[in-house]
Amino acid sequence: LFLANSGNKEITWMMLEAGAETDVVNSVGRTAAQMAAFVGQHDCVTVINNFFPRERLDYYTRPQGLDKEPKLPVKLAGPLHKIITTTNMHPVKIVLLVKENPLLAEIEALQKCYRVLDLICEKCMKQKDMNEVLAMKMHYISCIFQKCITFLKEREDKLDGFIKSLLKGRDKDGFPVYQEKLIRESIRKFPYCEATLLQQLVRSIAPVEI
């Protein structure tokens, strides 16, 4: 809690990697992220809210139950973890992270990754301490991966075409229509309608006309 309040995001990240728990509360019932937000240390809040332990992802690199093969090849765990823990959630940034890694920028690899993200999303919503923020993030990245697959299958310019579509602005005012539609589509497809975060997102984007 004190580290989060100090505003040092690098040390906060190191403590998280060392095993610090993000859901432990203090004497007044507040987590580290809530206390950091209370004192205005928003960089630390971002670090805490975007942290996802590598071992939680590595779980899917081992066969589980009756599975003969793991759901996620070991070679994809590192590149996927880099995307999961990024604090820049702009869709172009995520597509660029996919594009820069040849292991990830393949249809089969992206299919395996988005299915694992969907499983993590489900687990975040069904666990005792529900994490709507992390669930929505996993779902959002999954939707972008699925759209990457569409472009890899159907477009000659592949991921470059996807990036151009996201960056292209409307002629009259430069408004990024495709990007807006992608984000709205991902929110609409979030499978847990009762989530408070989903309802907040819908209320915030509803007044914005495309």
Protein backbone atom coordinates (compact mmCIF):
# COMPACT_ATOMS: atom_id res chain seq x y z
CA LEU A 1 0.00 0.00 0.00
CA PHE A 2 2.78 2.44 0.88
CA LEU A 3 4.58 1.72 -2.39
CA ALA A 4 1.44 2.42 -4.39
CA ASN A 5 0.97 5.68 -2.50
CA SER A 6 4.57 6.70 -3.16
CA GLY A 7 3.95 7.00 -6.91
CA ASN A 8 6.96 4.89 -7.95
CA LYS A 9 5.44 2.70 -10.67
CA GLU A 10 8.70 0.80 -11.39
CA ILE A 11 9.01 -0.38 -7.78
CA THR A 12 5.28 -1.10 -7.69
CA TRP A 13 5.73 -3.35 -10.75
CA MET A 14 8.72 -5.10 -9.16
CA MET A 15 6.71 -5.78 -5.99
CA LEU A 16 3.85 -7.21 -8.03
CA GLU A 17 6.23 -9.49 -9.92
CA ALA A 18 7.68 -10.61 -6.58
CA GLY A 19 4.24 -11.80 -5.53
CA ALA A 20 2.54 -8.84 -3.84
CA GLU A 21 -1.22 -9.40 -3.68
CA THR A 22 -3.39 -6.76 -5.36
CA ASP A 23 -6.61 -7.59 -3.52
CA VAL A 24 -5.34 -7.34 0.08
CA VAL A 25 -7.14 -4.57 1.98
CA ASN A 26 -5.93 -2.26 4.75
CA SER A 27 -7.62 -1.41 8.06
CA VAL A 28 -10.23 0.72 6.31
CA GLY A 29 -11.01 -1.93 3.72
CA ARG A 30 -9.15 -0.42 0.76
CA THR A 31 -6.84 -2.13 -1.71
CA ALA A 32 -3.51 -0.70 -2.87
CA ALA A 33 -5.09 0.51 -6.13
CA GLN A 34 -7.92 2.25 -4.28
CA MET A 35 -5.50 3.98 -1.90
CA ALA A 36 -3.23 5.05 -4.77
CA ALA A 37 -6.24 6.49 -6.60
CA PHE A 38 -7.33 8.28 -3.42
CA VAL A 39 -3.97 10.13 -3.19
CA GLY A 40 -3.78 10.80 -6.94
CA GLN A 41 -1.08 8.28 -7.90
CA HIS A 42 -2.83 7.26 -11.10
CA ASP A 43 0.29 5.79 -12.77
CA CYS A 44 0.50 3.26 -9.95
CA VAL A 45 -3.21 2.53 -10.26
CA THR A 46 -2.66 1.78 -13.95
CA VAL A 47 0.26 -0.54 -13.17
CA ILE A 48 -1.73 -2.45 -10.53
CA ASN A 49 -4.87 -2.75 -12.63
CA ASN A 50 -2.91 -3.99 -15.66
CA PHE A 51 -0.78 -6.52 -13.79
CA PHE A 52 -1.29 -10.15 -14.69
CA PRO A 53 1.16 -12.69 -13.22
CA ARG A 54 3.02 -14.70 -15.84
CA GLU A 55 2.35 -17.93 -13.93
CA ARG A 56 -1.39 -17.46 -14.44
CA LEU A 57 -0.79 -17.50 -18.18
CA ASP A 58 1.75 -20.32 -17.99
CA TYR A 59 -1.04 -22.49 -16.53
CA TYR A 60 -2.46 -22.76 -20.06
CA THR A 61 0.89 -23.94 -21.49
CA ARG A 62 0.44 -27.25 -19.69
CA PRO A 63 -2.17 -29.90 -20.60
CA GLN A 64 -5.09 -29.77 -18.16
CA GLY A 65 -7.50 -32.57 -17.29
CA LEU A 66 -8.11 -34.83 -20.29
CA ASP A 67 -6.32 -32.50 -22.71
CA LYS A 68 -3.44 -34.09 -24.59
CA GLU A 69 -2.11 -30.74 -25.77
CA PRO A 70 -1.87 -27.44 -23.90
CA LYS A 71 -4.29 -24.70 -24.91
CA LEU A 72 -1.38 -22.29 -25.39
CA PRO A 73 1.97 -23.25 -26.94
CA VAL A 74 4.90 -22.24 -24.70
CA LYS A 75 6.41 -20.11 -27.48
CA LEU A 76 3.33 -17.86 -27.48
CA ALA A 77 3.20 -17.24 -23.73
CA GLY A 78 5.86 -14.50 -23.72
CA PRO A 79 4.45 -12.44 -26.63
CA LEU A 80 0.89 -12.80 -25.31
CA HIS A 81 1.90 -11.80 -21.78
CA LYS A 82 3.54 -8.66 -23.17
CA ILE A 83 0.25 -7.64 -24.76
CA ILE A 84 -1.86 -8.58 -21.72
CA THR A 85 0.25 -6.40 -19.42
CA THR A 86 0.54 -3.37 -21.69
CA THR A 87 -0.98 -0.20 -20.26
CA ASN A 88 -1.60 1.29 -23.73
CA MET A 89 -4.90 -0.17 -24.84
CA HIS A 90 -5.19 1.71 -28.13
CA PRO A 91 -6.17 -0.87 -30.77
CA VAL A 92 -3.38 0.28 -33.11
CA LYS A 93 -0.80 -0.33 -30.36
CA ILE A 94 -2.13 -3.85 -29.79
CA VAL A 95 -2.09 -4.67 -33.52
CA LEU A 96 1.47 -3.32 -33.77
CA LEU A 97 2.53 -5.60 -30.90
CA VAL A 98 1.02 -8.54 -32.82
CA LYS A 99 2.64 -7.46 -36.08
CA GLU A 100 6.12 -7.10 -34.61
CA ASN A 101 6.20 -10.73 -33.42
CA PRO A 102 6.24 -13.33 -36.24
CA LEU A 103 5.20 -16.10 -33.82
CA LEU A 104 2.03 -14.23 -32.98
CA ALA A 105 1.12 -12.79 -36.37
CA GLU A 106 -0.29 -16.07 -37.71
CA ILE A 107 -3.91 -17.17 -37.87
CA GLU A 108 -3.47 -20.38 -35.85
CA ALA A 109 -1.44 -18.62 -33.16
CA LEU A 110 -4.01 -15.85 -32.80
CA GLN A 111 -6.82 -18.41 -32.60
CA LYS A 112 -5.12 -20.18 -29.70
CA CYS A 113 -4.42 -16.87 -27.97
CA TYR A 114 -7.91 -15.42 -28.19
CA ARG A 115 -9.44 -18.67 -26.90
CA VAL A 116 -7.14 -18.52 -23.86
CA LEU A 117 -8.08 -14.87 -23.33
CA ASP A 118 -11.75 -15.85 -23.37
CA LEU A 119 -11.06 -18.51 -20.72
CA ILE A 120 -9.24 -15.97 -18.54
CA CYS A 121 -12.12 -13.53 -18.99
CA GLU A 122 -14.58 -16.18 -17.83
CA LYS A 123 -12.43 -17.07 -14.83
CA CYS A 124 -12.16 -13.38 -13.83
CA MET A 125 -15.95 -13.07 -13.80
CA LYS A 126 -16.69 -16.37 -12.04
CA GLN A 127 -14.01 -16.31 -9.33
CA LYS A 128 -14.93 -15.34 -5.77
CA ASP A 129 -13.25 -11.93 -6.02
CA MET A 130 -14.67 -10.87 -9.38
CA ASN A 131 -12.34 -8.71 -11.51
CA GLU A 132 -14.47 -6.93 -14.09
CA VAL A 133 -11.65 -4.66 -15.27
CA LEU A 134 -9.34 -7.54 -16.11
CA ALA A 135 -12.20 -9.53 -17.64
CA MET A 136 -13.12 -6.64 -19.94
CA LYS A 137 -9.48 -6.14 -20.91
CA MET A 138 -9.07 -9.81 -21.85
CA HIS A 139 -12.30 -9.71 -23.85
CA TYR A 140 -11.25 -6.50 -25.63
CA ILE A 141 -7.86 -7.94 -26.66
CA SER A 142 -9.59 -11.15 -27.77
CA CYS A 143 -11.88 -9.13 -30.05
CA ILE A 144 -8.89 -7.34 -31.60
CA PHE A 145 -7.14 -10.68 -32.17
CA GLN A 146 -10.25 -12.03 -33.90
CA LYS A 147 -10.35 -8.97 -36.14
CA CYS A 148 -6.63 -9.51 -36.91
CA ILE A 149 -7.53 -13.02 -38.09
CA THR A 150 -10.19 -11.60 -40.41
CA PHE A 151 -7.68 -9.25 -42.03
CA LEU A 152 -5.01 -11.98 -42.31
CA LYS A 153 -7.55 -14.21 -44.08
CA GLU A 154 -9.26 -11.71 -46.34
CA ARG A 155 -6.95 -8.79 -47.09
CA GLU A 156 -3.81 -8.73 -49.19
CA ASP A 157 -2.38 -5.94 -47.06
CA LYS A 158 -3.14 -8.05 -43.96
CA LEU A 159 -2.37 -6.32 -40.63
CA ASP A 160 -1.17 -3.18 -42.40
CA GLY A 161 -4.69 -2.90 -43.80
CA PHE A 162 -6.13 -3.29 -40.30
CA ILE A 163 -3.91 -0.50 -38.98
CA LYS A 164 -4.87 1.79 -41.89
CA SER A 165 -8.56 1.14 -41.24
CA LEU A 166 -8.13 2.01 -37.55
CA LEU A 167 -6.25 5.22 -38.31
CA LYS A 168 -8.39 6.46 -41.19
CA GLY A 169 -10.51 9.45 -40.22
CA ARG A 170 -13.85 10.52 -41.60
CA ASP A 171 -13.47 13.02 -44.45
CA LYS A 172 -15.48 15.84 -42.90
CA ASP A 173 -13.92 15.86 -39.42
CA GLY A 174 -11.28 13.11 -39.11
CA PHE A 175 -13.39 11.03 -36.71
CA PRO A 176 -12.00 7.42 -36.67
CA VAL A 177 -15.25 5.62 -37.50
CA TYR A 178 -13.80 2.12 -37.92
CA GLN A 179 -11.96 2.34 -34.62
CA GLU A 180 -15.10 3.54 -32.84
CA LYS A 181 -17.16 0.71 -34.32
CA LEU A 182 -14.55 -1.86 -33.27
CA ILE A 183 -14.59 -0.66 -29.66
CA ARG A 184 -18.40 -0.57 -29.58
CA GLU A 185 -18.57 -4.05 -31.07
CA SER A 186 -16.23 -5.42 -28.39
CA ILE A 187 -18.37 -3.84 -25.65
CA ARG A 188 -21.56 -5.20 -27.20
CA LYS A 189 -20.11 -8.72 -27.34
CA PHE A 190 -19.01 -8.79 -23.69
CA PRO A 191 -20.90 -11.88 -22.46
CA TYR A 192 -21.61 -10.72 -18.89
CA CYS A 193 -24.46 -8.23 -19.21
CA GLU A 194 -24.83 -7.81 -15.44
CA ALA A 195 -21.30 -6.39 -15.05
CA THR A 196 -21.24 -2.91 -13.51
CA LEU A 197 -18.29 -1.91 -15.69
CA LEU A 198 -20.16 -2.88 -18.86
CA GLN A 199 -23.13 -0.74 -17.87
CA GLN A 200 -20.83 2.21 -17.14
CA LEU A 201 -19.16 1.86 -20.54
CA VAL A 202 -22.50 1.71 -22.34
CA ARG A 203 -23.69 4.85 -20.55
CA SER A 204 -20.50 6.72 -21.44
CA ILE A 205 -20.47 5.89 -25.17
CA ALA A 206 -24.22 6.00 -25.82
CA PRO A 207 -24.38 9.82 -26.21
CA VAL A 208 -21.53 9.79 -28.79
CA GLU A 209 -22.98 9.67 -32.29
CA ILE A 210 -20.99 8.05 -35.06
